[in-house]
Amino acid sequence: MKSVFLQLLLLSCLVLQSVAGKTKRHHKKYILDPPPCKSAPESCDRICIHSKDCPEGLECCSSFCGIICSENKKPKRRKQRMFKVQS
């Protein structure tokens, strides 16, 4: 009876360790990797690691050309005007 209890205890500890490792990697990746850029970058010449490396008004974000400083604002959508059809 003791051996079954010890085996179940060992199995539960191993399962908990594997789950905790996956969440730890996920949080580490989220902290280390900047978010993707919301709009296309203006230029790819300002490389950064953190937002504090960027000039004022720019944020560090990930784009197709690497991790760069960009305005990182959503592109403005133009409003569509509705025209009345005269008959």
PDB file of N, CA and C in Angstrom:
ATOM      1  N   MET A   1       0.816  -1.189   0.000  1.00  0.00           N
ATOM      2  CA  MET A   1       0.000   0.000   0.000  1.00  0.00           C
ATOM      3  C   MET A   1       0.866   1.263   0.000  1.00  0.00           C
ATOM      4  N   LYS A   2       1.972   1.217   0.755  1.00  0.00           N
ATOM      5  CA  LYS A   2       2.859   2.374   0.814  1.00  0.00           C
ATOM      6  C   LYS A   2       3.496   2.644  -0.543  1.00  0.00           C
ATOM      7  N   SER A   3       3.837   1.588  -1.271  1.00  0.00           N
ATOM      8  CA  SER A   3       4.499   1.787  -2.560  1.00  0.00           C
ATOM      9  C   SER A   3       3.552   2.440  -3.567  1.00  0.00           C
ATOM     10  N   VAL A   4       2.270   2.099  -3.529  1.00  0.00           N
ATOM     11  CA  VAL A   4       1.301   2.720  -4.432  1.00  0.00           C
ATOM     12  C   VAL A   4       1.161   4.209  -4.099  1.00  0.00           C
ATOM     13  N   PHE A   5       1.090   4.516  -2.820  1.00  0.00           N
ATOM     14  CA  PHE A   5       0.998   5.911  -2.392  1.00  0.00           C
ATOM     15  C   PHE A   5       2.227   6.702  -2.827  1.00  0.00           C
ATOM     16  N   LEU A   6       3.413   6.129  -2.653  1.00  0.00           N
ATOM     17  CA  LEU A   6       4.644   6.813  -3.044  1.00  0.00           C
ATOM     18  C   LEU A   6       4.712   7.003  -4.558  1.00  0.00           C
ATOM     19  N   GLN A   7       4.248   6.012  -5.312  1.00  0.00           N
ATOM     20  CA  GLN A   7       4.252   6.135  -6.770  1.00  0.00           C
ATOM     21  C   GLN A   7       3.305   7.250  -7.220  1.00  0.00           C
ATOM     22  N   LEU A   8       2.118   7.306  -6.614  1.00  0.00           N
ATOM     23  CA  LEU A   8       1.172   8.367  -6.962  1.00  0.00           C
ATOM     24  C   LEU A   8       1.711   9.745  -6.570  1.00  0.00           C
ATOM     25  N   LEU A   9       2.355   9.819  -5.439  1.00  0.00           N
ATOM     26  CA  LEU A   9       2.953  11.076  -5.000  1.00  0.00           C
ATOM     27  C   LEU A   9       4.051  11.526  -5.963  1.00  0.00           C
ATOM     28  N   LEU A  10       4.896  10.603  -6.375  1.00  0.00           N
ATOM     29  CA  LEU A  10       5.965  10.910  -7.323  1.00  0.00           C
ATOM     30  C   LEU A  10       5.386  11.343  -8.666  1.00  0.00           C
ATOM     31  N   LEU A  11       4.374  10.640  -9.134  1.00  0.00           N
ATOM     32  CA  LEU A  11       3.745  10.974 -10.407  1.00  0.00           C
ATOM     33  C   LEU A  11       3.115  12.371 -10.361  1.00  0.00           C
ATOM     34  N   SER A  12       2.422  12.688  -9.282  1.00  0.00           N
ATOM     35  CA  SER A  12       1.795  14.012  -9.176  1.00  0.00           C
ATOM     36  C   SER A  12       2.850  15.121  -9.117  1.00  0.00           C
ATOM     37  N   CYS A  13       3.962  14.880  -8.455  1.00  0.00           N
ATOM     38  CA  CYS A  13       5.038  15.881  -8.406  1.00  0.00           C
ATOM     39  C   CYS A  13       5.639  16.110  -9.785  1.00  0.00           C
ATOM     40  N   LEU A  14       5.829  15.049 -10.549  1.00  0.00           N
ATOM     41  CA  LEU A  14       6.389  15.186 -11.893  1.00  0.00           C
ATOM     42  C   LEU A  14       5.441  15.945 -12.812  1.00  0.00           C
ATOM     43  N   VAL A  15       4.150  15.664 -12.699  1.00  0.00           N
ATOM     44  CA  VAL A  15       3.166  16.360 -13.529  1.00  0.00           C
ATOM     45  C   VAL A  15       3.139  17.844 -13.181  1.00  0.00           C
ATOM     46  N   LEU A  16       3.155  18.183 -11.910  1.00  0.00           N
ATOM     47  CA  LEU A  16       3.136  19.584 -11.500  1.00  0.00           C
ATOM     48  C   LEU A  16       4.384  20.328 -11.958  1.00  0.00           C
ATOM     49  N   GLN A  17       5.533  19.665 -11.948  1.00  0.00           N
ATOM     50  CA  GLN A  17       6.767  20.318 -12.400  1.00  0.00           C
ATOM     51  C   GLN A  17       6.711  20.622 -13.887  1.00  0.00           C
ATOM     52  N   SER A  18       6.176  19.701 -14.684  1.00  0.00           N
ATOM     53  CA  SER A  18       6.123  19.939 -16.127  1.00  0.00           C
ATOM     54  C   SER A  18       5.157  21.072 -16.454  1.00  0.00           C
ATOM     55  N   VAL A  19       4.049  21.157 -15.748  1.00  0.00           N
ATOM     56  CA  VAL A  19       3.093  22.239 -15.982  1.00  0.00           C
ATOM     57  C   VAL A  19       3.687  23.576 -15.559  1.00  0.00           C
ATOM     58  N   ALA A  20       4.335  23.627 -14.432  1.00  0.00           N
ATOM     59  CA  ALA A  20       4.934  24.876 -13.951  1.00  0.00           C
ATOM     60  C   ALA A  20       6.031  25.353 -14.895  1.00  0.00           C
ATOM     61  N   GLY A  21       6.779  24.441 -15.483  1.00  0.00           N
ATOM     62  CA  GLY A  21       7.830  24.824 -16.418  1.00  0.00           C
ATOM     63  C   GLY A  21       7.273  25.473 -17.666  1.00  0.00           C
ATOM     64  N   LYS A  22       6.152  24.973 -18.165  1.00  0.00           N
ATOM     65  CA  LYS A  22       5.560  25.550 -19.370  1.00  0.00           C
ATOM     66  C   LYS A  22       5.061  26.962 -19.115  1.00  0.00           C
ATOM     67  N   THR A  23       4.418  27.193 -17.991  1.00  0.00           N
ATOM     68  CA  THR A  23       3.925  28.544 -17.708  1.00  0.00           C
ATOM     69  C   THR A  23       5.085  29.501 -17.451  1.00  0.00           C
ATOM     70  N   LYS A  24       6.148  29.013 -16.858  1.00  0.00           N
ATOM     71  CA  LYS A  24       7.309  29.865 -16.600  1.00  0.00           C
ATOM     72  C   LYS A  24       7.928  30.319 -17.916  1.00  0.00           C
ATOM     73  N   ARG A  25       8.061  29.387 -18.880  1.00  0.00           N
ATOM     74  CA  ARG A  25       8.615  29.751 -20.184  1.00  0.00           C
ATOM     75  C   ARG A  25       7.722  30.758 -20.890  1.00  0.00           C
ATOM     76  N   HIS A  26       6.405  30.579 -20.766  1.00  0.00           N
ATOM     77  CA  HIS A  26       5.465  31.489 -21.417  1.00  0.00           C
ATOM     78  C   HIS A  26       5.613  32.900 -20.853  1.00  0.00           C
ATOM     79  N   HIS A  27       5.692  33.035 -19.541  1.00  0.00           N
ATOM     80  CA  HIS A  27       5.835  34.356 -18.932  1.00  0.00           C
ATOM     81  C   HIS A  27       7.181  34.979 -19.272  1.00  0.00           C
ATOM     82  N   LYS A  28       8.242  34.176 -19.304  1.00  0.00           N
ATOM     83  CA  LYS A  28       9.561  34.701 -19.642  1.00  0.00           C
ATOM     84  C   LYS A  28       9.561  35.218 -21.073  1.00  0.00           C
ATOM     85  N   LYS A  29       8.944  34.484 -21.997  1.00  0.00           N
ATOM     86  CA  LYS A  29       8.880  34.913 -23.388  1.00  0.00           C
ATOM     87  C   LYS A  29       8.095  36.216 -23.497  1.00  0.00           C
ATOM     88  N   TYR A  30       6.995  36.337 -22.765  1.00  0.00           N
ATOM     89  CA  TYR A  30       6.180  37.544 -22.808  1.00  0.00           C
ATOM     90  C   TYR A  30       6.954  38.746 -22.284  1.00  0.00           C
ATOM     91  N   ILE A  31       7.754  38.549 -21.260  1.00  0.00           N
ATOM     92  CA  ILE A  31       8.516  39.649 -20.679  1.00  0.00           C
ATOM     93  C   ILE A  31       9.669  40.058 -21.591  1.00  0.00           C
ATOM     94  N   LEU A  32      10.368  39.087 -22.176  1.00  0.00           N
ATOM     95  CA  LEU A  32      11.553  39.390 -22.970  1.00  0.00           C
ATOM     96  C   LEU A  32      11.234  39.856 -24.384  1.00  0.00           C
ATOM     97  N   ASP A  33      10.198  39.324 -25.005  1.00  0.00           N
ATOM     98  CA  ASP A  33       9.868  39.689 -26.376  1.00  0.00           C
ATOM     99  C   ASP A  33       8.891  40.859 -26.388  1.00  0.00           C
ATOM    100  N   PRO A  34       9.211  41.920 -27.128  1.00  0.00           N
ATOM    101  CA  PRO A  34       8.278  43.046 -27.195  1.00  0.00           C
ATOM    102  C   PRO A  34       7.056  42.669 -28.033  1.00  0.00           C
ATOM    103  N   PRO A  35       5.963  43.395 -27.887  1.00  0.00           N
ATOM    104  CA  PRO A  35       4.762  43.098 -28.664  1.00  0.00           C
ATOM    105  C   PRO A  35       4.978  43.428 -30.138  1.00  0.00           C
ATOM    106  N   PRO A  36       4.183  42.848 -31.023  1.00  0.00           N
ATOM    107  CA  PRO A  36       4.315  43.182 -32.447  1.00  0.00           C
ATOM    108  C   PRO A  36       3.867  44.618 -32.713  1.00  0.00           C
ATOM    109  N   CYS A  37       4.445  45.225 -33.735  1.00  0.00           N
ATOM    110  CA  CYS A  37       4.076  46.593 -34.109  1.00  0.00           C
ATOM    111  C   CYS A  37       2.646  46.606 -34.647  1.00  0.00           C
ATOM    112  N   LYS A  38       1.892  47.631 -34.281  1.00  0.00           N
ATOM    113  CA  LYS A  38       0.500  47.733 -34.714  1.00  0.00           C
ATOM    114  C   LYS A  38       0.387  48.256 -36.137  1.00  0.00           C
ATOM    115  N   SER A  39       1.385  48.986 -36.585  1.00  0.00           N
ATOM    116  CA  SER A  39       1.386  49.515 -37.949  1.00  0.00           C
ATOM    117  C   SER A  39       2.760  49.269 -38.562  1.00  0.00           C
ATOM    118  N   ALA A  40       2.850  49.461 -39.858  1.00  0.00           N
ATOM    119  CA  ALA A  40       4.130  49.272 -40.545  1.00  0.00           C
ATOM    120  C   ALA A  40       5.130  50.306 -40.033  1.00  0.00           C
ATOM    121  N   PRO A  41       6.367  49.897 -39.765  1.00  0.00           N
ATOM    122  CA  PRO A  41       7.356  50.843 -39.236  1.00  0.00           C
ATOM    123  C   PRO A  41       7.746  51.896 -40.269  1.00  0.00           C
ATOM    124  N   GLU A  42       8.085  53.076 -39.770  1.00  0.00           N
ATOM    125  CA  GLU A  42       8.507  54.166 -40.646  1.00  0.00           C
ATOM    126  C   GLU A  42       9.902  53.883 -41.203  1.00  0.00           C
ATOM    127  N   SER A  43      10.795  53.399 -40.344  1.00  0.00           N
ATOM    128  CA  SER A  43      12.150  53.040 -40.761  1.00  0.00           C
ATOM    129  C   SER A  43      12.644  51.918 -39.862  1.00  0.00           C
ATOM    130  N   CYS A  44      13.616  51.186 -40.343  1.00  0.00           N
ATOM    131  CA  CYS A  44      14.151  50.046 -39.586  1.00  0.00           C
ATOM    132  C   CYS A  44      15.548  50.332 -39.050  1.00  0.00           C
ATOM    133  N   ASP A  45      15.907  51.606 -38.887  1.00  0.00           N
ATOM    134  CA  ASP A  45      17.271  51.933 -38.466  1.00  0.00           C
ATOM    135  C   ASP A  45      17.424  52.087 -36.954  1.00  0.00           C
ATOM    136  N   ARG A  46      16.333  52.194 -36.203  1.00  0.00           N
ATOM    137  CA  ARG A  46      16.418  52.341 -34.743  1.00  0.00           C
ATOM    138  C   ARG A  46      16.159  50.997 -34.075  1.00  0.00           C
ATOM    139  N   ILE A  47      17.216  50.296 -33.739  1.00  0.00           N
ATOM    140  CA  ILE A  47      17.106  48.993 -33.088  1.00  0.00           C
ATOM    141  C   ILE A  47      17.068  49.203 -31.576  1.00  0.00           C
ATOM    142  N   CYS A  48      16.254  48.404 -30.871  1.00  0.00           N
ATOM    143  CA  CYS A  48      16.120  48.581 -29.424  1.00  0.00           C
ATOM    144  C   CYS A  48      15.995  47.228 -28.727  1.00  0.00           C
ATOM    145  N   ILE A  49      16.110  47.263 -27.418  1.00  0.00           N
ATOM    146  CA  ILE A  49      15.890  46.080 -26.580  1.00  0.00           C
ATOM    147  C   ILE A  49      14.690  46.336 -25.677  1.00  0.00           C
ATOM    148  N   HIS A  50      14.614  47.525 -25.097  1.00  0.00           N
ATOM    149  CA  HIS A  50      13.515  47.938 -24.227  1.00  0.00           C
ATOM    150  C   HIS A  50      12.972  49.267 -24.727  1.00  0.00           C
ATOM    151  N   SER A  51      11.779  49.612 -24.286  1.00  0.00           N
ATOM    152  CA  SER A  51      11.189  50.902 -24.678  1.00  0.00           C
ATOM    153  C   SER A  51      11.997  52.082 -24.156  1.00  0.00           C
ATOM    154  N   LYS A  52      12.740  51.879 -23.064  1.00  0.00           N
ATOM    155  CA  LYS A  52      13.555  52.982 -22.538  1.00  0.00           C
ATOM    156  C   LYS A  52      14.729  53.309 -23.462  1.00  0.00           C
ATOM    157  N   ASP A  53      15.071  52.403 -24.396  1.00  0.00           N
ATOM    158  CA  ASP A  53      16.137  52.663 -25.364  1.00  0.00           C
ATOM    159  C   ASP A  53      15.674  53.583 -26.492  1.00  0.00           C
ATOM    160  N   CYS A  54      14.371  53.772 -26.624  1.00  0.00           N
ATOM    161  CA  CYS A  54      13.812  54.554 -27.726  1.00  0.00           C
ATOM    162  C   CYS A  54      13.650  56.019 -27.334  1.00  0.00           C
ATOM    163  N   PRO A  55      13.721  56.922 -28.324  1.00  0.00           N
ATOM    164  CA  PRO A  55      13.463  58.338 -28.048  1.00  0.00           C
ATOM    165  C   PRO A  55      12.021  58.545 -27.572  1.00  0.00           C
ATOM    166  N   GLU A  56      11.770  59.698 -26.997  1.00  0.00           N
ATOM    167  CA  GLU A  56      10.438  59.997 -26.476  1.00  0.00           C
ATOM    168  C   GLU A  56       9.398  59.960 -27.597  1.00  0.00           C
ATOM    169  N   GLY A  57       8.279  59.334 -27.337  1.00  0.00           N
ATOM    170  CA  GLY A  57       7.210  59.224 -28.329  1.00  0.00           C
ATOM    171  C   GLY A  57       7.264  57.938 -29.139  1.00  0.00           C
ATOM    172  N   LEU A  58       8.341  57.178 -29.008  1.00  0.00           N
ATOM    173  CA  LEU A  58       8.465  55.911 -29.728  1.00  0.00           C
ATOM    174  C   LEU A  58       8.488  54.750 -28.741  1.00  0.00           C
ATOM    175  N   GLU A  59       8.044  53.588 -29.190  1.00  0.00           N
ATOM    176  CA  GLU A  59       8.032  52.385 -28.363  1.00  0.00           C
ATOM    177  C   GLU A  59       8.803  51.274 -29.061  1.00  0.00           C
ATOM    178  N   CYS A  60       9.311  50.358 -28.275  1.00  0.00           N
ATOM    179  CA  CYS A  60      10.020  49.203 -28.805  1.00  0.00           C
ATOM    180  C   CYS A  60       8.981  48.145 -29.191  1.00  0.00           C
ATOM    181  N   CYS A  61       9.015  47.690 -30.444  1.00  0.00           N
ATOM    182  CA  CYS A  61       8.078  46.664 -30.891  1.00  0.00           C
ATOM    183  C   CYS A  61       8.747  45.775 -31.936  1.00  0.00           C
ATOM    184  N   SER A  62       8.144  44.637 -32.177  1.00  0.00           N
ATOM    185  CA  SER A  62       8.694  43.643 -33.095  1.00  0.00           C
ATOM    186  C   SER A  62       8.034  43.787 -34.465  1.00  0.00           C
ATOM    187  N   SER A  63       8.855  43.877 -35.522  1.00  0.00           N
ATOM    188  CA  SER A  63       8.323  43.990 -36.882  1.00  0.00           C
ATOM    189  C   SER A  63       9.070  43.032 -37.797  1.00  0.00           C
ATOM    190  N   PHE A  64       8.787  43.110 -39.090  1.00  0.00           N
ATOM    191  CA  PHE A  64       9.424  42.218 -40.058  1.00  0.00           C
ATOM    192  C   PHE A  64      10.926  42.447 -40.166  1.00  0.00           C
ATOM    193  N   CYS A  65      11.400  43.630 -39.773  1.00  0.00           N
ATOM    194  CA  CYS A  65      12.833  43.914 -39.880  1.00  0.00           C
ATOM    195  C   CYS A  65      13.561  43.810 -38.544  1.00  0.00           C
ATOM    196  N   GLY A  66      12.908  43.275 -37.529  1.00  0.00           N
ATOM    197  CA  GLY A  66      13.547  43.084 -36.234  1.00  0.00           C
ATOM    198  C   GLY A  66      12.828  43.846 -35.133  1.00  0.00           C
ATOM    199  N   ILE A  67      13.506  44.011 -34.021  1.00  0.00           N
ATOM    200  CA  ILE A  67      12.945  44.738 -32.885  1.00  0.00           C
ATOM    201  C   ILE A  67      13.417  46.181 -32.997  1.00  0.00           C
ATOM    202  N   ILE A  68      12.473  47.090 -33.224  1.00  0.00           N
ATOM    203  CA  ILE A  68      12.813  48.475 -33.549  1.00  0.00           C
ATOM    204  C   ILE A  68      11.986  49.458 -32.728  1.00  0.00           C
ATOM    205  N   CYS A  69      12.389  50.730 -32.784  1.00  0.00           N
ATOM    206  CA  CYS A  69      11.607  51.813 -32.185  1.00  0.00           C
ATOM    207  C   CYS A  69      10.617  52.311 -33.235  1.00  0.00           C
ATOM    208  N   SER A  70       9.355  52.372 -32.864  1.00  0.00           N
ATOM    209  CA  SER A  70       8.319  52.806 -33.790  1.00  0.00           C
ATOM    210  C   SER A  70       7.244  53.554 -33.017  1.00  0.00           C
ATOM    211  N   GLU A  71       6.397  54.294 -33.729  1.00  0.00           N
ATOM    212  CA  GLU A  71       5.291  54.989 -33.062  1.00  0.00           C
ATOM    213  C   GLU A  71       4.317  53.989 -32.463  1.00  0.00           C
ATOM    214  N   ASN A  72       4.158  52.857 -33.087  1.00  0.00           N
ATOM    215  CA  ASN A  72       3.344  51.745 -32.598  1.00  0.00           C
ATOM    216  C   ASN A  72       1.909  52.175 -32.314  1.00  0.00           C
ATOM    217  N   LYS A  73       1.338  52.904 -33.245  1.00  0.00           N
ATOM    218  CA  LYS A  73      -0.060  53.314 -33.125  1.00  0.00           C
ATOM    219  C   LYS A  73      -0.870  52.597 -34.189  1.00  0.00           C
ATOM    220  N   LYS A  74      -2.118  52.355 -33.878  1.00  0.00           N
ATOM    221  CA  LYS A  74      -2.989  51.725 -34.863  1.00  0.00           C
ATOM    222  C   LYS A  74      -3.175  52.685 -36.029  1.00  0.00           C
ATOM    223  N   PRO A  75      -3.163  52.157 -37.256  1.00  0.00           N
ATOM    224  CA  PRO A  75      -3.377  53.042 -38.400  1.00  0.00           C
ATOM    225  C   PRO A  75      -4.789  53.627 -38.363  1.00  0.00           C
ATOM    226  N   LYS A  76      -4.893  54.872 -38.753  1.00  0.00           N
ATOM    227  CA  LYS A  76      -6.201  55.529 -38.745  1.00  0.00           C
ATOM    228  C   LYS A  76      -7.034  55.009 -39.907  1.00  0.00           C
ATOM    229  N   ARG A  77      -8.268  54.699 -39.608  1.00  0.00           N
ATOM    230  CA  ARG A  77      -9.180  54.241 -40.648  1.00  0.00           C
ATOM    231  C   ARG A  77      -9.992  55.432 -41.127  1.00  0.00           C
ATOM    232  N   ARG A  78     -10.081  55.541 -42.419  1.00  0.00           N
ATOM    233  CA  ARG A  78     -10.881  56.630 -42.964  1.00  0.00           C
ATOM    234  C   ARG A  78     -12.351  56.256 -42.879  1.00  0.00           C
ATOM    235  N   LYS A  79     -13.148  57.241 -42.538  1.00  0.00           N
ATOM    236  CA  LYS A  79     -14.587  56.999 -42.459  1.00  0.00           C
ATOM    237  C   LYS A  79     -15.155  56.969 -43.867  1.00  0.00           C
ATOM    238  N   GLN A  80     -16.011  56.009 -44.095  1.00  0.00           N
ATOM    239  CA  GLN A  80     -16.662  55.924 -45.396  1.00  0.00           C
ATOM    240  C   GLN A  80     -17.934  56.761 -45.345  1.00  0.00           C
ATOM    241  N   ARG A  81     -18.099  57.563 -46.338  1.00  0.00           N
ATOM    242  CA  ARG A  81     -19.289  58.412 -46.392  1.00  0.00           C
ATOM    243  C   ARG A  81     -20.379  57.692 -47.172  1.00  0.00           C
ATOM    244  N   MET A  82     -21.547  57.837 -46.672  1.00  0.00           N
ATOM    245  CA  MET A  82     -22.696  57.245 -47.347  1.00  0.00           C
ATOM    246  C   MET A  82     -23.330  58.315 -48.237  1.00  0.00           C
ATOM    247  N   PHE A  83     -23.483  57.998 -49.494  1.00  0.00           N
ATOM    248  CA  PHE A  83     -24.103  58.924 -50.434  1.00  0.00           C
ATOM    249  C   PHE A  83     -25.509  58.447 -50.747  1.00  0.00           C
ATOM    250  N   LYS A  84     -26.399  59.409 -50.845  1.00  0.00           N
ATOM    251  CA  LYS A  84     -27.765  59.067 -51.218  1.00  0.00           C
ATOM    252  C   LYS A  84     -27.846  58.994 -52.736  1.00  0.00           C
ATOM    253  N   VAL A  85     -28.541  57.991 -53.188  1.00  0.00           N
ATOM    254  CA  VAL A  85     -28.750  57.845 -54.626  1.00  0.00           C
ATOM    255  C   VAL A  85     -30.033  58.587 -54.976  1.00  0.00           C
ATOM    256  N   GLN A  86     -29.913  59.530 -55.872  1.00  0.00           N
ATOM    257  CA  GLN A  86     -31.091  60.301 -56.267  1.00  0.00           C
ATOM    258  C   GLN A  86     -31.752  59.631 -57.453  1.00  0.00           C
ATOM    259  N   SER A  87     -33.052  59.474 -57.362  1.00  0.00           N
ATOM    260  CA  SER A  87     -33.764  58.840 -58.480  1.00  0.00           C
ATOM    261  C   SER A  87     -34.802  59.742 -59.083  1.00  0.00           C
TER     262      SER A  87
END
